[in-house]
C-alpha atoms as a PDB file:
ATOM      1  CA  MET A   1     -14.308  -6.907   7.822  1.00  0.00           C
ATOM      2  CA  ARG A   2     -12.326  -9.512   5.934  1.00  0.00           C
ATOM      3  CA  LEU A   3      -9.442  -8.038   3.938  1.00  0.00           C
ATOM      4  CA  ALA A   4      -7.140  -9.739   1.444  1.00  0.00           C
ATOM      5  CA  LEU A   5      -3.478  -9.074   0.664  1.00  0.00           C
ATOM      6  CA  ALA A   6      -2.624  -9.931  -2.950  1.00  0.00           C
ATOM      7  CA  GLN A   7       1.159 -10.296  -3.034  1.00  0.00           C
ATOM      8  CA  ILE A   8       1.813 -10.391  -6.760  1.00  0.00           C
ATOM      9  CA  ILE A   9       4.905  -9.845  -8.893  1.00  0.00           C
ATOM     10  CA  SER A  10       3.906  -7.392 -11.595  1.00  0.00           C
ATOM     11  CA  GLY A  11       5.715  -7.116 -14.915  1.00  0.00           C
ATOM     12  CA  GLY A  12       6.236  -4.424 -17.489  1.00  0.00           C
ATOM     13  CA  LYS A  13       2.978  -4.928 -19.408  1.00  0.00           C
ATOM     14  CA  PRO A  14      -0.091  -3.279 -17.827  1.00  0.00           C
ATOM     15  CA  ALA A  15      -2.552  -5.560 -19.657  1.00  0.00           C
ATOM     16  CA  GLU A  16      -0.907  -8.675 -18.231  1.00  0.00           C
ATOM     17  CA  ASN A  17      -0.929  -7.116 -14.783  1.00  0.00           C
ATOM     18  CA  LEU A  18      -4.670  -6.491 -15.140  1.00  0.00           C
ATOM     19  CA  ALA A  19      -5.117 -10.227 -15.585  1.00  0.00           C
ATOM     20  CA  LEU A  20      -3.316 -10.750 -12.255  1.00  0.00           C
ATOM     21  CA  VAL A  21      -5.611  -8.216 -10.599  1.00  0.00           C
ATOM     22  CA  ARG A  22      -8.671 -10.084 -11.853  1.00  0.00           C
ATOM     23  CA  ARG A  23      -7.421 -13.510 -10.802  1.00  0.00           C
ATOM     24  CA  TYR A  24      -6.444 -12.450  -7.290  1.00  0.00           C
ATOM     25  CA  SER A  25      -9.578 -10.310  -6.838  1.00  0.00           C
ATOM     26  CA  GLU A  26     -11.831 -13.221  -7.766  1.00  0.00           C
ATOM     27  CA  ASP A  27      -9.910 -15.468  -5.377  1.00  0.00           C
ATOM     28  CA  ALA A  28     -10.194 -12.866  -2.609  1.00  0.00           C
ATOM     29  CA  LYS A  29     -13.945 -12.577  -3.155  1.00  0.00           C
ATOM     30  CA  ALA A  30     -14.315 -16.371  -3.093  1.00  0.00           C
ATOM     31  CA  ARG A  31     -12.539 -16.365   0.276  1.00  0.00           C
ATOM     32  CA  GLY A  32     -14.995 -13.845   1.700  1.00  0.00           C
ATOM     33  CA  ALA A  33     -12.956 -10.633   1.435  1.00  0.00           C
ATOM     34  CA  GLU A  34     -14.712  -7.306   0.951  1.00  0.00           C
ATOM     35  CA  LEU A  35     -11.531  -5.421   0.076  1.00  0.00           C
ATOM     36  CA  VAL A  36      -8.359  -6.638  -1.642  1.00  0.00           C
ATOM     37  CA  ILE A  37      -5.038  -4.809  -1.509  1.00  0.00           C
ATOM     38  CA  PHE A  38      -2.439  -5.027  -4.257  1.00  0.00           C
ATOM     39  CA  PRO A  39       1.113  -3.644  -4.144  1.00  0.00           C
ATOM     40  CA  GLU A  40       2.612  -0.403  -5.300  1.00  0.00           C
ATOM     41  CA  ALA A  41       3.435  -0.521  -9.032  1.00  0.00           C
ATOM     42  CA  THR A  42       0.750  -3.117  -9.788  1.00  0.00           C
ATOM     43  CA  MET A  43       0.145  -1.396 -13.116  1.00  0.00           C
ATOM     44  CA  CYS A  44       3.809  -1.688 -14.143  1.00  0.00           C
ATOM     45  CA  ALA A  45       6.847  -2.859 -12.211  1.00  0.00           C
ATOM     46  CA  PHE A  46       9.680  -0.502 -11.385  1.00  0.00           C
ATOM     47  CA  GLY A  47      12.660  -0.894 -13.710  1.00  0.00           C
ATOM     48  CA  ASN A  48      10.461  -0.294 -16.753  1.00  0.00           C
ATOM     49  CA  PRO A  49       9.998   3.081 -18.538  1.00  0.00           C
ATOM     50  CA  LEU A  50       7.070   4.435 -16.528  1.00  0.00           C
ATOM     51  CA  ALA A  51       6.487   7.402 -18.849  1.00  0.00           C
ATOM     52  CA  GLU A  52       5.383   4.934 -21.534  1.00  0.00           C
ATOM     53  CA  VAL A  53       2.548   3.478 -19.442  1.00  0.00           C
ATOM     54  CA  VAL A  54       1.337   6.494 -17.457  1.00  0.00           C
ATOM     55  CA  GLU A  55      -2.421   7.163 -17.642  1.00  0.00           C
ATOM     56  CA  PRO A  56      -4.871   9.477 -15.865  1.00  0.00           C
ATOM     57  CA  ILE A  57      -7.015   8.155 -13.042  1.00  0.00           C
ATOM     58  CA  ASP A  58      -9.917   7.865 -15.512  1.00  0.00           C
ATOM     59  CA  GLY A  59      -7.770   6.273 -18.231  1.00  0.00           C
ATOM     60  CA  PRO A  60      -8.120   2.759 -19.663  1.00  0.00           C
ATOM     61  CA  TRP A  61      -6.157   0.871 -16.996  1.00  0.00           C
ATOM     62  CA  ALA A  62      -7.925   2.421 -14.013  1.00  0.00           C
ATOM     63  CA  THR A  63     -11.266   2.158 -15.812  1.00  0.00           C
ATOM     64  CA  ALA A  64     -10.667  -1.563 -16.293  1.00  0.00           C
ATOM     65  CA  VAL A  65      -9.863  -1.995 -12.577  1.00  0.00           C
ATOM     66  CA  ARG A  66     -12.973  -0.002 -11.699  1.00  0.00           C
ATOM     67  CA  ALA A  67     -15.175  -2.176 -13.896  1.00  0.00           C
ATOM     68  CA  MET A  68     -13.568  -5.312 -12.474  1.00  0.00           C
ATOM     69  CA  ALA A  69     -14.240  -4.214  -8.898  1.00  0.00           C
ATOM     70  CA  SER A  70     -17.876  -3.508  -9.748  1.00  0.00           C
ATOM     71  CA  GLU A  71     -18.327  -6.822 -11.556  1.00  0.00           C
ATOM     72  CA  ILE A  72     -16.727  -8.918  -8.815  1.00  0.00           C
ATOM     73  CA  GLY A  73     -18.284  -6.899  -6.006  1.00  0.00           C
ATOM     74  CA  ILE A  74     -15.092  -6.105  -4.121  1.00  0.00           C
ATOM     75  CA  THR A  75     -13.105  -2.967  -3.349  1.00  0.00           C
ATOM     76  CA  ILE A  76      -9.656  -2.960  -4.965  1.00  0.00           C
ATOM     77  CA  VAL A  77      -6.653  -0.919  -3.874  1.00  0.00           C
ATOM     78  CA  ALA A  78      -3.794  -1.037  -6.390  1.00  0.00           C
ATOM     79  CA  GLY A  79      -0.738   0.986  -7.369  1.00  0.00           C
ATOM     80  CA  MET A  80      -0.551   2.732 -10.734  1.00  0.00           C
ATOM     81  CA  PHE A  81       1.159   5.710 -12.371  1.00  0.00           C
ATOM     82  CA  THR A  82      -0.652   8.921 -13.323  1.00  0.00           C
ATOM     83  CA  PRO A  83       0.601  12.117 -15.004  1.00  0.00           C
ATOM     84  CA  GLY A  84       2.670  14.477 -12.855  1.00  0.00           C
ATOM     85  CA  ASN A  85       4.418  17.799 -13.413  1.00  0.00           C
ATOM     86  CA  GLY A  86       7.545  18.457 -15.432  1.00  0.00           C
ATOM     87  CA  GLY A  87       7.339  15.270 -17.454  1.00  0.00           C
ATOM     88  CA  ARG A  88       7.336  13.098 -14.348  1.00  0.00           C
ATOM     89  CA  VAL A  89       4.640  10.713 -13.164  1.00  0.00           C
ATOM     90  CA  ARG A  90       2.706  10.384  -9.914  1.00  0.00           C
ATOM     91  CA  ASN A  91       3.000   7.152  -7.915  1.00  0.00           C
ATOM     92  CA  THR A  92      -0.709   6.712  -7.282  1.00  0.00           C
ATOM     93  CA  LEU A  93      -2.869   4.321  -5.305  1.00  0.00           C
ATOM     94  CA  LEU A  94      -6.319   3.752  -6.767  1.00  0.00           C
ATOM     95  CA  ALA A  95      -9.084   2.656  -4.376  1.00  0.00           C
ATOM     96  CA  THR A  96     -12.252   1.679  -6.188  1.00  0.00           C
ATOM     97  CA  GLY A  97     -15.253  -0.575  -5.738  1.00  0.00           C
ATOM     98  CA  PRO A  98     -18.693  -0.591  -4.139  1.00  0.00           C
ATOM     99  CA  ASP A  99     -19.304   2.938  -2.778  1.00  0.00           C
ATOM    100  CA  VAL A 100     -15.563   3.760  -2.959  1.00  0.00           C
ATOM    101  CA  GLU A 101     -13.619   6.040  -5.280  1.00  0.00           C
ATOM    102  CA  ALA A 102     -10.383   7.566  -3.999  1.00  0.00           C
ATOM    103  CA  SER A 103      -6.760   8.029  -5.008  1.00  0.00           C
ATOM    104  CA  TYR A 104      -3.579   8.880  -3.157  1.00  0.00           C
ATOM    105  CA  ASP A 105      -0.310  10.185  -4.601  1.00  0.00           C
ATOM    106  CA  LYS A 106       2.805   9.002  -2.753  1.00  0.00           C
ATOM    107  CA  ILE A 107       4.162  11.834  -0.615  1.00  0.00           C
ATOM    108  CA  HIS A 108       7.597  10.554   0.456  1.00  0.00           C
ATOM    109  CA  LEU A 109       9.694   9.611  -2.567  1.00  0.00           C
ATOM    110  CA  PHE A 110      12.338   6.899  -2.327  1.00  0.00           C
ATOM    111  CA  ASP A 111      15.558   8.851  -2.731  1.00  0.00           C
ATOM    112  CA  ALA A 112      17.606   6.426  -0.665  1.00  0.00           C
ATOM    113  CA  PHE A 113      19.787   3.296  -0.861  1.00  0.00           C
ATOM    114  CA  GLY A 114      21.104   4.312  -4.267  1.00  0.00           C
ATOM    115  CA  PHE A 115      17.718   4.827  -5.928  1.00  0.00           C
ATOM    116  CA  SER A 116      16.276   8.224  -6.873  1.00  0.00           C
ATOM    117  CA  GLU A 117      12.522   8.000  -7.313  1.00  0.00           C
ATOM    118  CA  SER A 118      12.203  11.779  -7.592  1.00  0.00           C
ATOM    119  CA  ASP A 119      14.055  11.704 -10.932  1.00  0.00           C
ATOM    120  CA  SER A 120      10.930  10.308 -12.567  1.00  0.00           C
ATOM    121  CA  VAL A 121       8.158  10.719  -9.958  1.00  0.00           C
ATOM    122  CA  ASP A 122       6.377  13.863  -8.786  1.00  0.00           C
ATOM    123  CA  ALA A 123       5.478  13.835  -5.074  1.00  0.00           C
ATOM    124  CA  GLY A 124       1.946  14.078  -3.742  1.00  0.00           C
ATOM    125  CA  THR A 125       1.082  16.551  -1.008  1.00  0.00           C
ATOM    126  CA  GLU A 126      -2.046  15.412   0.837  1.00  0.00           C
ATOM    127  CA  PRO A 127      -2.967  12.426   3.034  1.00  0.00           C
ATOM    128  CA  VAL A 128      -6.058  10.530   1.889  1.00  0.00           C
ATOM    129  CA  VAL A 129      -8.619   8.444   3.779  1.00  0.00           C
ATOM    130  CA  PHE A 130     -11.751   6.708   2.517  1.00  0.00           C
ATOM    131  CA  ARG A 131     -14.656   4.774   4.047  1.00  0.00           C
ATOM    132  CA  ARG A 132     -15.872   1.301   3.189  1.00  0.00           C
ATOM    133  CA  GLY A 133     -18.403  -0.720   5.132  1.00  0.00           C
ATOM    134  CA  GLY A 134     -18.357   1.639   8.111  1.00  0.00           C
ATOM    135  CA  ILE A 135     -14.542   1.517   8.415  1.00  0.00           C
ATOM    136  CA  THR A 136     -12.180   4.387   7.624  1.00  0.00           C
ATOM    137  CA  PHE A 137      -8.973   3.482   5.776  1.00  0.00           C
ATOM    138  CA  GLY A 138      -5.826   5.569   5.366  1.00  0.00           C
ATOM    139  CA  LEU A 139      -3.469   5.155   2.424  1.00  0.00           C
ATOM    140  CA  ALA A 140       0.336   5.050   2.297  1.00  0.00           C
ATOM    141  CA  THR A 141       2.924   3.855  -0.191  1.00  0.00           C
ATOM    142  CA  CYS A 142       6.195   2.043   0.490  1.00  0.00           C
ATOM    143  CA  TYR A 143       8.795   4.641   1.666  1.00  0.00           C
ATOM    144  CA  ASP A 144       5.931   6.459   3.431  1.00  0.00           C
ATOM    145  CA  VAL A 145       6.136   3.721   6.096  1.00  0.00           C
ATOM    146  CA  ARG A 146       9.317   5.352   7.434  1.00  0.00           C
ATOM    147  CA  PHE A 147       7.398   8.524   8.352  1.00  0.00           C
ATOM    148  CA  PRO A 148       5.129   8.185  11.415  1.00  0.00           C
ATOM    149  CA  ALA A 149       3.449  11.560  10.910  1.00  0.00           C
ATOM    150  CA  LEU A 150       1.509  10.343   7.867  1.00  0.00           C
ATOM    151  CA  PHE A 151       0.052   7.456   9.844  1.00  0.00           C
ATOM    152  CA  THR A 152      -0.913   9.612  12.806  1.00  0.00           C
ATOM    153  CA  ALA A 153      -2.397  12.191  10.409  1.00  0.00           C
ATOM    154  CA  ASN A 154      -4.522   9.449   8.866  1.00  0.00           C
ATOM    155  CA  ALA A 155      -5.586   8.345  12.345  1.00  0.00           C
ATOM    156  CA  ALA A 156      -6.484  11.937  13.239  1.00  0.00           C
ATOM    157  CA  ALA A 157      -8.677  11.982  10.129  1.00  0.00           C
ATOM    158  CA  GLY A 158     -10.477   8.893  11.422  1.00  0.00           C
ATOM    159  CA  ALA A 159      -8.444   6.031   9.964  1.00  0.00           C
ATOM    160  CA  GLN A 160      -8.917   2.749  11.816  1.00  0.00           C
ATOM    161  CA  VAL A 161      -6.910   0.778   9.252  1.00  0.00           C
ATOM    162  CA  ASN A 162      -3.811   2.073   7.464  1.00  0.00           C
ATOM    163  CA  ILE A 163      -3.129   0.411   4.118  1.00  0.00           C
ATOM    164  CA  VAL A 164       0.473   0.322   2.899  1.00  0.00           C
ATOM    165  CA  CYS A 165       1.174  -0.717  -0.695  1.00  0.00           C
ATOM    166  CA  ALA A 166       4.844  -1.324  -1.451  1.00  0.00           C
ATOM    167  CA  SER A 167       7.507  -2.467  -3.862  1.00  0.00           C
ATOM    168  CA  TRP A 168      10.221  -2.693  -1.216  1.00  0.00           C
ATOM    169  CA  GLY A 169      13.843  -2.600  -2.257  1.00  0.00           C
ATOM    170  CA  ALA A 170      16.047  -5.562  -1.414  1.00  0.00           C
ATOM    171  CA  GLY A 171      19.340  -5.228   0.445  1.00  0.00           C
ATOM    172  CA  GLU A 172      21.114  -5.894   3.693  1.00  0.00           C
ATOM    173  CA  GLY A 173      18.712  -5.479   6.598  1.00  0.00           C
ATOM    174  CA  LYS A 174      15.877  -4.228   4.402  1.00  0.00           C
ATOM    175  CA  LEU A 175      13.467  -7.095   5.055  1.00  0.00           C
ATOM    176  CA  GLU A 176      13.906  -6.690   8.819  1.00  0.00           C
ATOM    177  CA  GLN A 177      13.340  -2.940   8.488  1.00  0.00           C
ATOM    178  CA  TRP A 178      10.107  -3.490   6.555  1.00  0.00           C
ATOM    179  CA  GLU A 179       8.767  -5.855   9.196  1.00  0.00           C
ATOM    180  CA  LEU A 180       9.794  -3.533  12.035  1.00  0.00           C
ATOM    181  CA  LEU A 181       8.402  -0.404  10.406  1.00  0.00           C
ATOM    182  CA  CYS A 182       4.986  -1.930   9.720  1.00  0.00           C
ATOM    183  CA  ARG A 183       4.677  -2.931  13.371  1.00  0.00           C
ATOM    184  CA  ALA A 184       5.961   0.435  14.595  1.00  0.00           C
ATOM    185  CA  ARG A 185       3.466   2.402  12.494  1.00  0.00           C
ATOM    186  CA  ALA A 186       0.612   0.347  13.943  1.00  0.00           C
ATOM    187  CA  LEU A 187       1.793   1.267  17.454  1.00  0.00           C
ATOM    188  CA  ASP A 188       2.362   4.934  16.550  1.00  0.00           C
ATOM    189  CA  SER A 189      -1.162   5.334  15.223  1.00  0.00           C
ATOM    190  CA  THR A 190      -3.028   2.613  17.155  1.00  0.00           C
ATOM    191  CA  THR A 191      -4.510   1.436  13.885  1.00  0.00           C
ATOM    192  CA  PHE A 192      -4.455  -1.857  12.075  1.00  0.00           C
ATOM    193  CA  VAL A 193      -1.706  -1.744   9.446  1.00  0.00           C
ATOM    194  CA  VAL A 194      -2.322  -3.906   6.398  1.00  0.00           C
ATOM    195  CA  ALA A 195       0.821  -3.854   4.268  1.00  0.00           C
ATOM    196  CA  CYS A 196       0.969  -5.509   0.851  1.00  0.00           C
ATOM    197  CA  GLY A 197       4.244  -5.641  -1.045  1.00  0.00           C
ATOM    198  CA  GLN A 198       5.421  -7.017  -4.337  1.00  0.00           C
ATOM    199  CA  GLY A 199       6.665 -10.574  -4.077  1.00  0.00           C
ATOM    200  CA  ASP A 200      10.393 -11.170  -4.472  1.00  0.00           C
ATOM    201  CA  PRO A 201      11.164 -11.808  -8.172  1.00  0.00           C
ATOM    202  CA  ALA A 202      14.045 -14.066  -7.136  1.00  0.00           C
ATOM    203  CA  SER A 203      11.511 -16.404  -5.492  1.00  0.00           C
ATOM    204  CA  VAL A 204      10.215 -17.337  -8.958  1.00  0.00           C
ATOM    205  CA  GLY A 205      13.596 -17.269 -10.706  1.00  0.00           C
ATOM    206  CA  ILE A 206      13.552 -13.707 -12.060  1.00  0.00           C
ATOM    207  CA  ALA A 207      17.012 -12.144 -11.832  1.00  0.00           C
ATOM    208  CA  ALA A 208      17.453  -8.463 -10.944  1.00  0.00           C
ATOM    209  CA  THR A 209      18.532  -6.330 -13.896  1.00  0.00           C
ATOM    210  CA  SER A 210      18.711  -2.927 -12.173  1.00  0.00           C
ATOM    211  CA  SER A 211      18.707  -1.240  -8.768  1.00  0.00           C
ATOM    212  CA  ALA A 212      14.953  -0.672  -9.009  1.00  0.00           C
ATOM    213  CA  PRO A 213      12.967  -1.713  -5.906  1.00  0.00           C
ATOM    214  CA  THR A 214      11.045  -4.722  -7.155  1.00  0.00           C
ATOM    215  CA  GLY A 215       9.896  -6.320  -3.901  1.00  0.00           C
ATOM    216  CA  VAL A 216      10.875  -8.675  -1.103  1.00  0.00           C
ATOM    217  CA  GLY A 217       7.449 -10.079  -0.200  1.00  0.00           C
ATOM    218  CA  ALA A 218       6.660 -10.249   3.524  1.00  0.00           C
ATOM    219  CA  SER A 219       3.199  -8.711   3.223  1.00  0.00           C
ATOM    220  CA  ALA A 220       1.540  -8.595   6.635  1.00  0.00           C
ATOM    221  CA  ALA A 221      -1.394  -7.401   8.688  1.00  0.00           C
ATOM    222  CA  VAL A 222      -0.562  -5.959  12.103  1.00  0.00           C
ATOM    223  CA  SER A 223      -2.832  -5.276  15.082  1.00  0.00           C
ATOM    224  CA  PRO A 224      -3.018  -1.824  16.739  1.00  0.00           C
ATOM    225  CA  LEU A 225      -0.761  -3.209  19.485  1.00  0.00           C
ATOM    226  CA  GLY A 226       1.887  -4.375  17.028  1.00  0.00           C
ATOM    227  CA  SER A 227       1.113  -8.095  16.802  1.00  0.00           C
ATOM    228  CA  VAL A 228       1.413  -9.743  13.394  1.00  0.00           C
ATOM    229  CA  LEU A 229      -1.970 -11.249  12.520  1.00  0.00           C
ATOM    230  CA  VAL A 230      -1.015 -12.810   9.187  1.00  0.00           C
ATOM    231  CA  SER A 231       2.055 -12.708   6.952  1.00  0.00           C
ATOM    232  CA  LEU A 232       3.381 -14.064   3.678  1.00  0.00           C
ATOM    233  CA  GLY A 233       6.821 -15.221   2.583  1.00  0.00           C
ATOM    234  CA  ALA A 234       8.816 -14.117  -0.450  1.00  0.00           C
ATOM    235  CA  GLU A 235       6.780 -15.789  -3.186  1.00  0.00           C
ATOM    236  CA  PRO A 236       3.457 -14.600  -4.656  1.00  0.00           C
ATOM    237  CA  GLY A 237       0.346 -15.466  -2.671  1.00  0.00           C
ATOM    238  CA  LEU A 238      -2.947 -14.342  -1.204  1.00  0.00           C
ATOM    239  CA  ALA A 239      -3.651 -13.959   2.514  1.00  0.00           C
ATOM    240  CA  VAL A 240      -6.914 -12.988   4.215  1.00  0.00           C
ATOM    241  CA  VAL A 241      -7.373 -11.388   7.606  1.00  0.00           C
ATOM    242  CA  ASP A 242     -10.402 -10.353   9.648  1.00  0.00           C
ATOM    243  CA  VAL A 243     -10.096  -6.954  11.302  1.00  0.00           C
ATOM    244  CA  ASP A 244     -12.399  -5.937  14.143  1.00  0.00           C
ATOM    245  CA  VAL A 245     -12.194  -2.178  14.564  1.00  0.00           C
ATOM    246  CA  SER A 246     -14.522  -2.313  17.588  1.00  0.00           C
ATOM    247  CA  ILE A 247     -11.421  -3.031  19.692  1.00  0.00           C
ATOM    248  CA  LEU A 248      -9.866   0.350  18.928  1.00  0.00           C
ATOM    249  CA  ASP A 249     -11.599   2.262  21.724  1.00  0.00           C
ATOM    250  CA  GLU A 250     -10.237  -0.199  24.272  1.00  0.00           C
ATOM    251  CA  VAL A 251      -6.778  -0.177  22.695  1.00  0.00           C
ATOM    252  CA  ARG A 252      -6.633   3.618  22.632  1.00  0.00           C
ATOM    253  CA  ALA A 253      -7.785   3.790  26.253  1.00  0.00           C
ATOM    254  CA  LYS A 254      -4.902   1.503  27.233  1.00  0.00           C
ATOM    255  CA  LEU A 255      -2.365   3.149  24.926  1.00  0.00           C
ATOM    256  CA  PRO A 256      -3.493   6.764  24.369  1.00  0.00           C
ATOM    257  CA  VAL A 257      -0.531   7.831  22.228  1.00  0.00           C
ATOM    258  CA  LEU A 258      -2.734   9.860  19.896  1.00  0.00           C
ATOM    259  CA  ALA A 259      -4.277  11.780  22.794  1.00  0.00           C
ATOM    260  CA  ASN A 260      -0.947  12.203  24.586  1.00  0.00           C
ATOM    261  CA  ALA A 261       1.088  13.322  21.590  1.00  0.00           C
ATOM    262  CA  ARG A 262       2.673  16.783  21.539  1.00  0.00           C
ATOM    263  CA  THR A 263       4.078  18.651  18.567  1.00  0.00           C
ATOM    264  CA  PHE A 264       7.297  20.684  18.480  1.00  0.00           C
ATOM    265  CA  GLU A 265       8.520  23.378  16.137  1.00  0.00           C
ATOM    266  CA  HIS A 266      12.189  22.556  16.791  1.00  0.00           C
ATOM    267  CA  ALA A 267      14.541  21.547  19.539  1.00  0.00           C
ATOM    268  CA  LYS A 268      16.399  24.145  21.573  1.00  0.00           C
ATOM    269  CA  ARG A 269      20.009  24.673  20.567  1.00  0.00           C
END
């Protein structure tokens, strides 16, 4: 299947971000993609008051994405914000399009590097996979990429491709960590990892105004053996990649980490 990574830089206005989703989705379809992946926070960039834009999964923004996917004939995965508990929001991935309707709420919240996502975001609790065109996809969001267990849980549920949508925070060593983690999660789970992040605002002359994680670019697709198949730089762009999941049986025979894995309650003291 041909997949597309739409590395956009979203802003604070959901309607304007919808226009980006349409433009990149149409481009992805024209380039032969059956599924296009947008970053975390596509609906509204971090650093804006999320409580002012939050909508349910059947609200106007998601409904517009759903209609767009149907009209264009492509599956869209994009980050949005849905209502959570205690006045907080959920950091949600919407997957919608031909024969697909799924959503995933980010489980691991980014309370690190001086940012506290849990102040405004309510954590999800369950991994999510969906099928499209005979392929099973797992979903993950940004900070989730630091936690191998989610990726192996998705693989155990049948995932052949793990999608990661991100708005990665900038900082010393962070770009290298992102690149390393995406490759490591592919090896941990022997799945393709297709990771789409927000482009770096600095690449188009937008200065940072807060500590919010607004993206570093470097979207990439990684093979089940950790090889980078395609990647982007810091600026916005669209990349396409063909994934052939028929190789997974051979890969998992050579590298049977899923079959060989053991679980532990705790280490001896």
